[in-house]
Amino acid sequence: QVQLAESGGGLVQTGGSLTLSCAVSGRTSDIWAMAWFRQTPGKERKFVGATRWSIESLFYVDSVKDRFIISRDTAKNTVYLQMNSLKLEDSAVYYCAAAYGDRFGMEYDEPNEYAFWGQGTQVTVSS
């Protein structure tokens, strides 16, 4: 199993940038993929992007594809979400999640595919 802890959230103006971190602890060797989701009050958790843990393979939702960058540092057991050109609609609680074991063929944008979640970090974009 793994434990996830997000950090880096905060208040930023539109057009600004923010980088979130997700520190991973535990048995990281069995991680298949890491993802970022976001959630606003009363809404379902939505996929932002994902990365395979062991190889360079990235997936993004279209709305962030040209603005957000996911990277990972397996030596530090940390996944990052660099968010640029932030918009008001990017305000949300951001969660990192881990898919565990052999998950070949998984649907990376489905929350149910991920067994482990962090506690979330709030990102607020103001005008």
Foldseek 3Di string as FASTA:
>chain_A
DKAKAKDWADEAAAQAKTKMKIAIDDDCVFWQKKFKWWDDPPDDIWGAKMAGDPDGDIDGDPVQVVFWDWDDDVVRRMIMIIGGRDDQVVWTWMKMFTAGHDPPPDDVTDPVNTDYIHPTDTHGYHD
